[in-house]
Amino acid sequence: MKVAYIRVSTIEQNEERQLEAMKDKGIEKYFTEKVSAKDMNRPQLQALLEFVREGDIVYVHDFSRLARSTEDLLHIIEQLHTKGVALISNKENLDTGTPTGKLLVTMIAAINEFERANLLERQREGIAIAKKAGKYTGGKPKAINQELYTQLLEDYRTRKITKRTFAKELGVSRPTLDRLLKEESV
């Protein structure tokens, strides 16, 4: 069976470019999601890995759609290889079912990871320069309902709610909640 994995990083992004690239591949099943590839905890990726079986071919537009880190990409490729499933990337024009394809995908994944690290480093440097010049002050602190926070904090401490629920009910991101809890010394 020919299967495609389509991923964009955010809800605002559009996956049409990737879908268009798959039109001539005879894809029988699509796994599509709008989520970051910072790790492998992605529902559609996990569903794809469970779904495929020996003889299937998984198509991706490019390897960065599948994973951002070399380690994750190689882990996914190994899982597919163990199941007897080939992985083909349109952009890189590589088939991991061949020894050459395996070698090249390892090198490409390392380069992608290197580029991502460089981008983040340049971003940090740019922010530092802007801060020094007084042009960047970071995000505005989010006003939180202190009464609700206190109530949820108690529920969290007594394990009545999870950190995820805590953040959702408070209307903040997990990193923001982590910062608040660190300040609270929970």
C-alpha atoms as a PDB file:
ATOM      1  CA  MET A   1       0.000   0.000   0.000  1.00  0.00           C
ATOM      2  CA  LYS A   2       1.194   3.521  -0.762  1.00  0.00           C
ATOM      3  CA  VAL A   3       0.859   5.804   2.246  1.00  0.00           C
ATOM      4  CA  ALA A   4       1.701   9.497   2.631  1.00  0.00           C
ATOM      5  CA  TYR A   5       2.630  11.493   5.725  1.00  0.00           C
ATOM      6  CA  ILE A   6       1.823  15.196   5.424  1.00  0.00           C
ATOM      7  CA  ARG A   7       2.797  17.633   8.191  1.00  0.00           C
ATOM      8  CA  VAL A   8       2.879  21.371   8.693  1.00  0.00           C
ATOM      9  CA  SER A   9       4.048  22.974  11.918  1.00  0.00           C
ATOM     10  CA  THR A  10       1.081  25.186  12.788  1.00  0.00           C
ATOM     11  CA  ILE A  11      -2.658  25.396  12.245  1.00  0.00           C
ATOM     12  CA  GLU A  12      -2.165  28.538  10.155  1.00  0.00           C
ATOM     13  CA  GLN A  13       0.081  26.760   7.655  1.00  0.00           C
ATOM     14  CA  ASN A  14      -1.308  25.062   4.578  1.00  0.00           C
ATOM     15  CA  GLU A  15      -0.468  21.515   3.523  1.00  0.00           C
ATOM     16  CA  GLU A  16      -1.639  21.961  -0.110  1.00  0.00           C
ATOM     17  CA  ARG A  17       1.919  22.104  -1.512  1.00  0.00           C
ATOM     18  CA  GLN A  18       2.701  18.700  -0.020  1.00  0.00           C
ATOM     19  CA  LEU A  19      -0.627  17.196  -1.120  1.00  0.00           C
ATOM     20  CA  GLU A  20      -0.055  18.478  -4.670  1.00  0.00           C
ATOM     21  CA  ALA A  21       3.396  16.817  -4.730  1.00  0.00           C
ATOM     22  CA  MET A  22       1.792  13.451  -3.883  1.00  0.00           C
ATOM     23  CA  LYS A  23      -0.851  13.488  -6.641  1.00  0.00           C
ATOM     24  CA  ASP A  24       1.140  11.370  -9.093  1.00  0.00           C
ATOM     25  CA  LYS A  25       2.269   8.776  -6.504  1.00  0.00           C
ATOM     26  CA  GLY A  26      -0.955   6.755  -6.343  1.00  0.00           C
ATOM     27  CA  ILE A  27      -1.338   7.335  -2.590  1.00  0.00           C
ATOM     28  CA  GLU A  28      -4.031   5.156  -1.036  1.00  0.00           C
ATOM     29  CA  LYS A  29      -3.998   6.562   2.506  1.00  0.00           C
ATOM     30  CA  TYR A  30      -2.948   9.915   3.958  1.00  0.00           C
ATOM     31  CA  PHE A  31      -1.843  10.736   7.488  1.00  0.00           C
ATOM     32  CA  THR A  32      -2.018  14.517   7.896  1.00  0.00           C
ATOM     33  CA  GLU A  33      -1.353  16.730  10.892  1.00  0.00           C
ATOM     34  CA  LYS A  34      -0.612  20.304  11.885  1.00  0.00           C
ATOM     35  CA  VAL A  35       1.911  20.009  14.674  1.00  0.00           C
ATOM     36  CA  SER A  36       5.593  20.657  15.336  1.00  0.00           C
ATOM     37  CA  ALA A  37       8.112  17.884  14.676  1.00  0.00           C
ATOM     38  CA  LYS A  38      10.139  18.744  17.756  1.00  0.00           C
ATOM     39  CA  ASP A  39       9.584  15.169  18.952  1.00  0.00           C
ATOM     40  CA  MET A  40       7.817  11.978  17.893  1.00  0.00           C
ATOM     41  CA  ASN A  41       4.726  12.502  20.059  1.00  0.00           C
ATOM     42  CA  ARG A  42       2.445  13.171  17.110  1.00  0.00           C
ATOM     43  CA  PRO A  43      -0.881  11.307  16.804  1.00  0.00           C
ATOM     44  CA  GLN A  44      -0.848  10.872  13.028  1.00  0.00           C
ATOM     45  CA  LEU A  45       2.803   9.835  12.940  1.00  0.00           C
ATOM     46  CA  GLN A  46       2.130   7.189  15.587  1.00  0.00           C
ATOM     47  CA  ALA A  47      -1.003   6.061  13.709  1.00  0.00           C
ATOM     48  CA  LEU A  48       1.053   5.736  10.515  1.00  0.00           C
ATOM     49  CA  LEU A  49       3.760   3.707  12.271  1.00  0.00           C
ATOM     50  CA  GLU A  50       1.106   1.349  13.663  1.00  0.00           C
ATOM     51  CA  PHE A  51      -0.794   1.137  10.364  1.00  0.00           C
ATOM     52  CA  VAL A  52       1.956   0.241   7.895  1.00  0.00           C
ATOM     53  CA  ARG A  53       2.988  -3.342   7.257  1.00  0.00           C
ATOM     54  CA  GLU A  54       5.521  -5.275   5.211  1.00  0.00           C
ATOM     55  CA  GLY A  55       5.644  -4.225   1.568  1.00  0.00           C
ATOM     56  CA  ASP A  56       4.088  -0.777   2.143  1.00  0.00           C
ATOM     57  CA  ILE A  57       5.755   2.413   0.941  1.00  0.00           C
ATOM     58  CA  VAL A  58       5.592   5.638   2.942  1.00  0.00           C
ATOM     59  CA  TYR A  59       5.980   8.878   0.990  1.00  0.00           C
ATOM     60  CA  VAL A  60       6.954  12.232   2.498  1.00  0.00           C
ATOM     61  CA  HIS A  61       7.453  15.535   0.703  1.00  0.00           C
ATOM     62  CA  ASP A  62      10.825  15.905   2.419  1.00  0.00           C
ATOM     63  CA  PHE A  63      12.499  14.405   5.475  1.00  0.00           C
ATOM     64  CA  SER A  64      12.019  17.563   7.561  1.00  0.00           C
ATOM     65  CA  ARG A  65       8.260  16.878   7.457  1.00  0.00           C
ATOM     66  CA  LEU A  66       8.922  13.576   9.209  1.00  0.00           C
ATOM     67  CA  ALA A  67      11.457  14.658  11.853  1.00  0.00           C
ATOM     68  CA  ARG A  68      13.582  17.617  12.878  1.00  0.00           C
ATOM     69  CA  SER A  69      16.355  15.697  14.611  1.00  0.00           C
ATOM     70  CA  THR A  70      18.679  13.147  13.065  1.00  0.00           C
ATOM     71  CA  GLU A  71      18.007  10.816  15.977  1.00  0.00           C
ATOM     72  CA  ASP A  72      14.215  10.911  15.492  1.00  0.00           C
ATOM     73  CA  LEU A  73      14.465  10.505  11.721  1.00  0.00           C
ATOM     74  CA  LEU A  74      16.793   7.517  12.015  1.00  0.00           C
ATOM     75  CA  HIS A  75      14.541   6.003  14.686  1.00  0.00           C
ATOM     76  CA  ILE A  76      11.484   6.329  12.408  1.00  0.00           C
ATOM     77  CA  ILE A  77      13.393   4.886   9.465  1.00  0.00           C
ATOM     78  CA  GLU A  78      14.542   1.955  11.623  1.00  0.00           C
ATOM     79  CA  GLN A  79      10.964   1.293  12.782  1.00  0.00           C
ATOM     80  CA  LEU A  80       9.800   1.271   9.159  1.00  0.00           C
ATOM     81  CA  HIS A  81      12.753  -0.906   8.064  1.00  0.00           C
ATOM     82  CA  THR A  82      12.014  -3.435  10.832  1.00  0.00           C
ATOM     83  CA  LYS A  83       8.454  -3.727   9.527  1.00  0.00           C
ATOM     84  CA  GLY A  84       9.670  -4.123   5.940  1.00  0.00           C
ATOM     85  CA  VAL A  85       8.355  -0.712   4.896  1.00  0.00           C
ATOM     86  CA  ALA A  86      10.189   1.566   2.456  1.00  0.00           C
ATOM     87  CA  LEU A  87      10.346   5.353   2.900  1.00  0.00           C
ATOM     88  CA  ILE A  88      10.581   7.649  -0.110  1.00  0.00           C
ATOM     89  CA  SER A  89      11.171  11.392   0.004  1.00  0.00           C
ATOM     90  CA  ASN A  90      10.023  13.421  -3.012  1.00  0.00           C
ATOM     91  CA  LYS A  91      12.289  16.407  -2.465  1.00  0.00           C
ATOM     92  CA  GLU A  92      15.464  14.460  -1.730  1.00  0.00           C
ATOM     93  CA  ASN A  93      14.496  11.770  -4.265  1.00  0.00           C
ATOM     94  CA  LEU A  94      15.682   9.039  -1.913  1.00  0.00           C
ATOM     95  CA  ASP A  95      14.479   5.539  -1.151  1.00  0.00           C
ATOM     96  CA  THR A  96      15.591   4.292   2.268  1.00  0.00           C
ATOM     97  CA  GLY A  97      15.154   0.736   1.105  1.00  0.00           C
ATOM     98  CA  THR A  98      18.583   0.906  -0.558  1.00  0.00           C
ATOM     99  CA  PRO A  99      21.980   1.066   1.211  1.00  0.00           C
ATOM    100  CA  THR A 100      22.844   4.277  -0.661  1.00  0.00           C
ATOM    101  CA  GLY A 101      19.496   5.765   0.312  1.00  0.00           C
ATOM    102  CA  LYS A 102      20.111   4.922   3.969  1.00  0.00           C
ATOM    103  CA  LEU A 103      23.546   6.555   3.906  1.00  0.00           C
ATOM    104  CA  LEU A 104      22.299   9.682   2.172  1.00  0.00           C
ATOM    105  CA  VAL A 105      19.291  10.098   4.475  1.00  0.00           C
ATOM    106  CA  THR A 106      21.588   9.967   7.505  1.00  0.00           C
ATOM    107  CA  MET A 107      23.738  12.720   6.019  1.00  0.00           C
ATOM    108  CA  ILE A 108      20.726  14.833   5.019  1.00  0.00           C
ATOM    109  CA  ALA A 109      19.166  14.479   8.470  1.00  0.00           C
ATOM    110  CA  ALA A 110      22.409  15.622  10.086  1.00  0.00           C
ATOM    111  CA  ILE A 111      22.561  18.634   7.762  1.00  0.00           C
ATOM    112  CA  ASN A 112      18.899  19.520   8.486  1.00  0.00           C
ATOM    113  CA  GLU A 113      19.563  19.332  12.224  1.00  0.00           C
ATOM    114  CA  PHE A 114      22.680  21.484  11.811  1.00  0.00           C
ATOM    115  CA  GLU A 115      20.736  24.099   9.817  1.00  0.00           C
ATOM    116  CA  ARG A 116      17.993  24.195  12.461  1.00  0.00           C
ATOM    117  CA  ALA A 117      20.565  24.658  15.253  1.00  0.00           C
ATOM    118  CA  ASN A 118      22.216  27.479  13.276  1.00  0.00           C
ATOM    119  CA  LEU A 119      18.867  29.179  12.726  1.00  0.00           C
ATOM    120  CA  LEU A 120      18.092  29.049  16.458  1.00  0.00           C
ATOM    121  CA  GLU A 121      21.568  30.376  17.283  1.00  0.00           C
ATOM    122  CA  ARG A 122      21.151  33.300  14.869  1.00  0.00           C
ATOM    123  CA  GLN A 123      17.749  33.998  16.401  1.00  0.00           C
ATOM    124  CA  ARG A 124      19.247  34.067  19.925  1.00  0.00           C
ATOM    125  CA  GLU A 125      22.053  36.354  18.736  1.00  0.00           C
ATOM    126  CA  GLY A 126      19.574  38.714  17.073  1.00  0.00           C
ATOM    127  CA  ILE A 127      17.452  38.891  20.216  1.00  0.00           C
ATOM    128  CA  ALA A 128      20.547  39.586  22.345  1.00  0.00           C
ATOM    129  CA  ILE A 129      21.579  42.452  20.033  1.00  0.00           C
ATOM    130  CA  ALA A 130      18.035  43.867  20.028  1.00  0.00           C
ATOM    131  CA  LYS A 131      17.867  43.647  23.842  1.00  0.00           C
ATOM    132  CA  LYS A 132      21.205  45.446  24.147  1.00  0.00           C
ATOM    133  CA  ALA A 133      19.878  48.208  21.891  1.00  0.00           C
ATOM    134  CA  GLY A 134      16.665  48.377  23.959  1.00  0.00           C
ATOM    135  CA  LYS A 135      14.544  47.299  20.980  1.00  0.00           C
ATOM    136  CA  TYR A 136      13.440  43.944  22.374  1.00  0.00           C
ATOM    137  CA  THR A 137      11.788  43.476  25.719  1.00  0.00           C
ATOM    138  CA  GLY A 138      10.368  40.017  25.205  1.00  0.00           C
ATOM    139  CA  GLY A 139       6.727  39.088  25.390  1.00  0.00           C
ATOM    140  CA  LYS A 140       4.360  40.981  27.620  1.00  0.00           C
ATOM    141  CA  PRO A 141       3.686  39.165  30.906  1.00  0.00           C
ATOM    142  CA  LYS A 142       0.318  37.458  30.736  1.00  0.00           C
ATOM    143  CA  ALA A 143      -2.154  38.601  33.373  1.00  0.00           C
ATOM    144  CA  ILE A 144      -3.572  35.597  35.177  1.00  0.00           C
ATOM    145  CA  ASN A 145      -6.555  35.222  37.450  1.00  0.00           C
ATOM    146  CA  GLN A 146      -4.776  34.863  40.809  1.00  0.00           C
ATOM    147  CA  GLU A 147      -7.814  33.334  42.549  1.00  0.00           C
ATOM    148  CA  LEU A 148      -8.177  30.687  39.842  1.00  0.00           C
ATOM    149  CA  TYR A 149      -4.414  30.068  39.894  1.00  0.00           C
ATOM    150  CA  THR A 150      -4.473  29.459  43.669  1.00  0.00           C
ATOM    151  CA  GLN A 151      -7.407  27.035  43.348  1.00  0.00           C
ATOM    152  CA  LEU A 152      -5.819  25.152  40.440  1.00  0.00           C
ATOM    153  CA  LEU A 153      -2.458  25.082  42.197  1.00  0.00           C
ATOM    154  CA  GLU A 154      -4.049  23.263  45.126  1.00  0.00           C
ATOM    155  CA  ASP A 155      -5.735  20.791  42.749  1.00  0.00           C
ATOM    156  CA  TYR A 156      -2.397  20.261  41.006  1.00  0.00           C
ATOM    157  CA  ARG A 157      -0.520  19.728  44.275  1.00  0.00           C
ATOM    158  CA  THR A 158      -3.061  17.119  45.396  1.00  0.00           C
ATOM    159  CA  ARG A 159      -2.883  15.470  41.957  1.00  0.00           C
ATOM    160  CA  LYS A 160      -6.542  16.122  41.165  1.00  0.00           C
ATOM    161  CA  ILE A 161      -5.490  17.668  37.845  1.00  0.00           C
ATOM    162  CA  THR A 162      -2.559  17.266  35.508  1.00  0.00           C
ATOM    163  CA  LYS A 163      -0.170  20.029  34.508  1.00  0.00           C
ATOM    164  CA  ARG A 164      -1.757  20.020  31.056  1.00  0.00           C
ATOM    165  CA  THR A 165      -5.226  20.587  32.534  1.00  0.00           C
ATOM    166  CA  PHE A 166      -3.805  23.230  34.887  1.00  0.00           C
ATOM    167  CA  ALA A 167      -2.361  25.211  31.963  1.00  0.00           C
ATOM    168  CA  LYS A 168      -5.507  24.838  29.867  1.00  0.00           C
ATOM    169  CA  GLU A 169      -7.841  25.953  32.667  1.00  0.00           C
ATOM    170  CA  LEU A 170      -5.590  28.902  33.491  1.00  0.00           C
ATOM    171  CA  GLY A 171      -5.382  29.854  29.803  1.00  0.00           C
ATOM    172  CA  VAL A 172      -1.586  29.791  29.554  1.00  0.00           C
ATOM    173  CA  SER A 173       0.962  27.674  27.706  1.00  0.00           C
ATOM    174  CA  ARG A 174       2.812  24.844  29.436  1.00  0.00           C
ATOM    175  CA  PRO A 175       6.129  26.804  29.400  1.00  0.00           C
ATOM    176  CA  THR A 176       4.371  29.787  31.028  1.00  0.00           C
ATOM    177  CA  LEU A 177       2.875  27.500  33.670  1.00  0.00           C
ATOM    178  CA  ASP A 178       6.301  25.924  34.247  1.00  0.00           C
ATOM    179  CA  ARG A 179       7.736  29.400  34.833  1.00  0.00           C
ATOM    180  CA  LEU A 180       4.912  30.267  37.252  1.00  0.00           C
ATOM    181  CA  LEU A 181       5.412  27.014  39.158  1.00  0.00           C
ATOM    182  CA  LYS A 182       9.168  27.575  39.311  1.00  0.00           C
ATOM    183  CA  GLU A 183       8.546  31.009  40.787  1.00  0.00           C
ATOM    184  CA  GLU A 184       6.135  29.366  43.239  1.00  0.00           C
ATOM    185  CA  SER A 185       8.760  26.668  44.021  1.00  0.00           C
ATOM    186  CA  VAL A 186       6.299  23.803  43.644  1.00  0.00           C
END
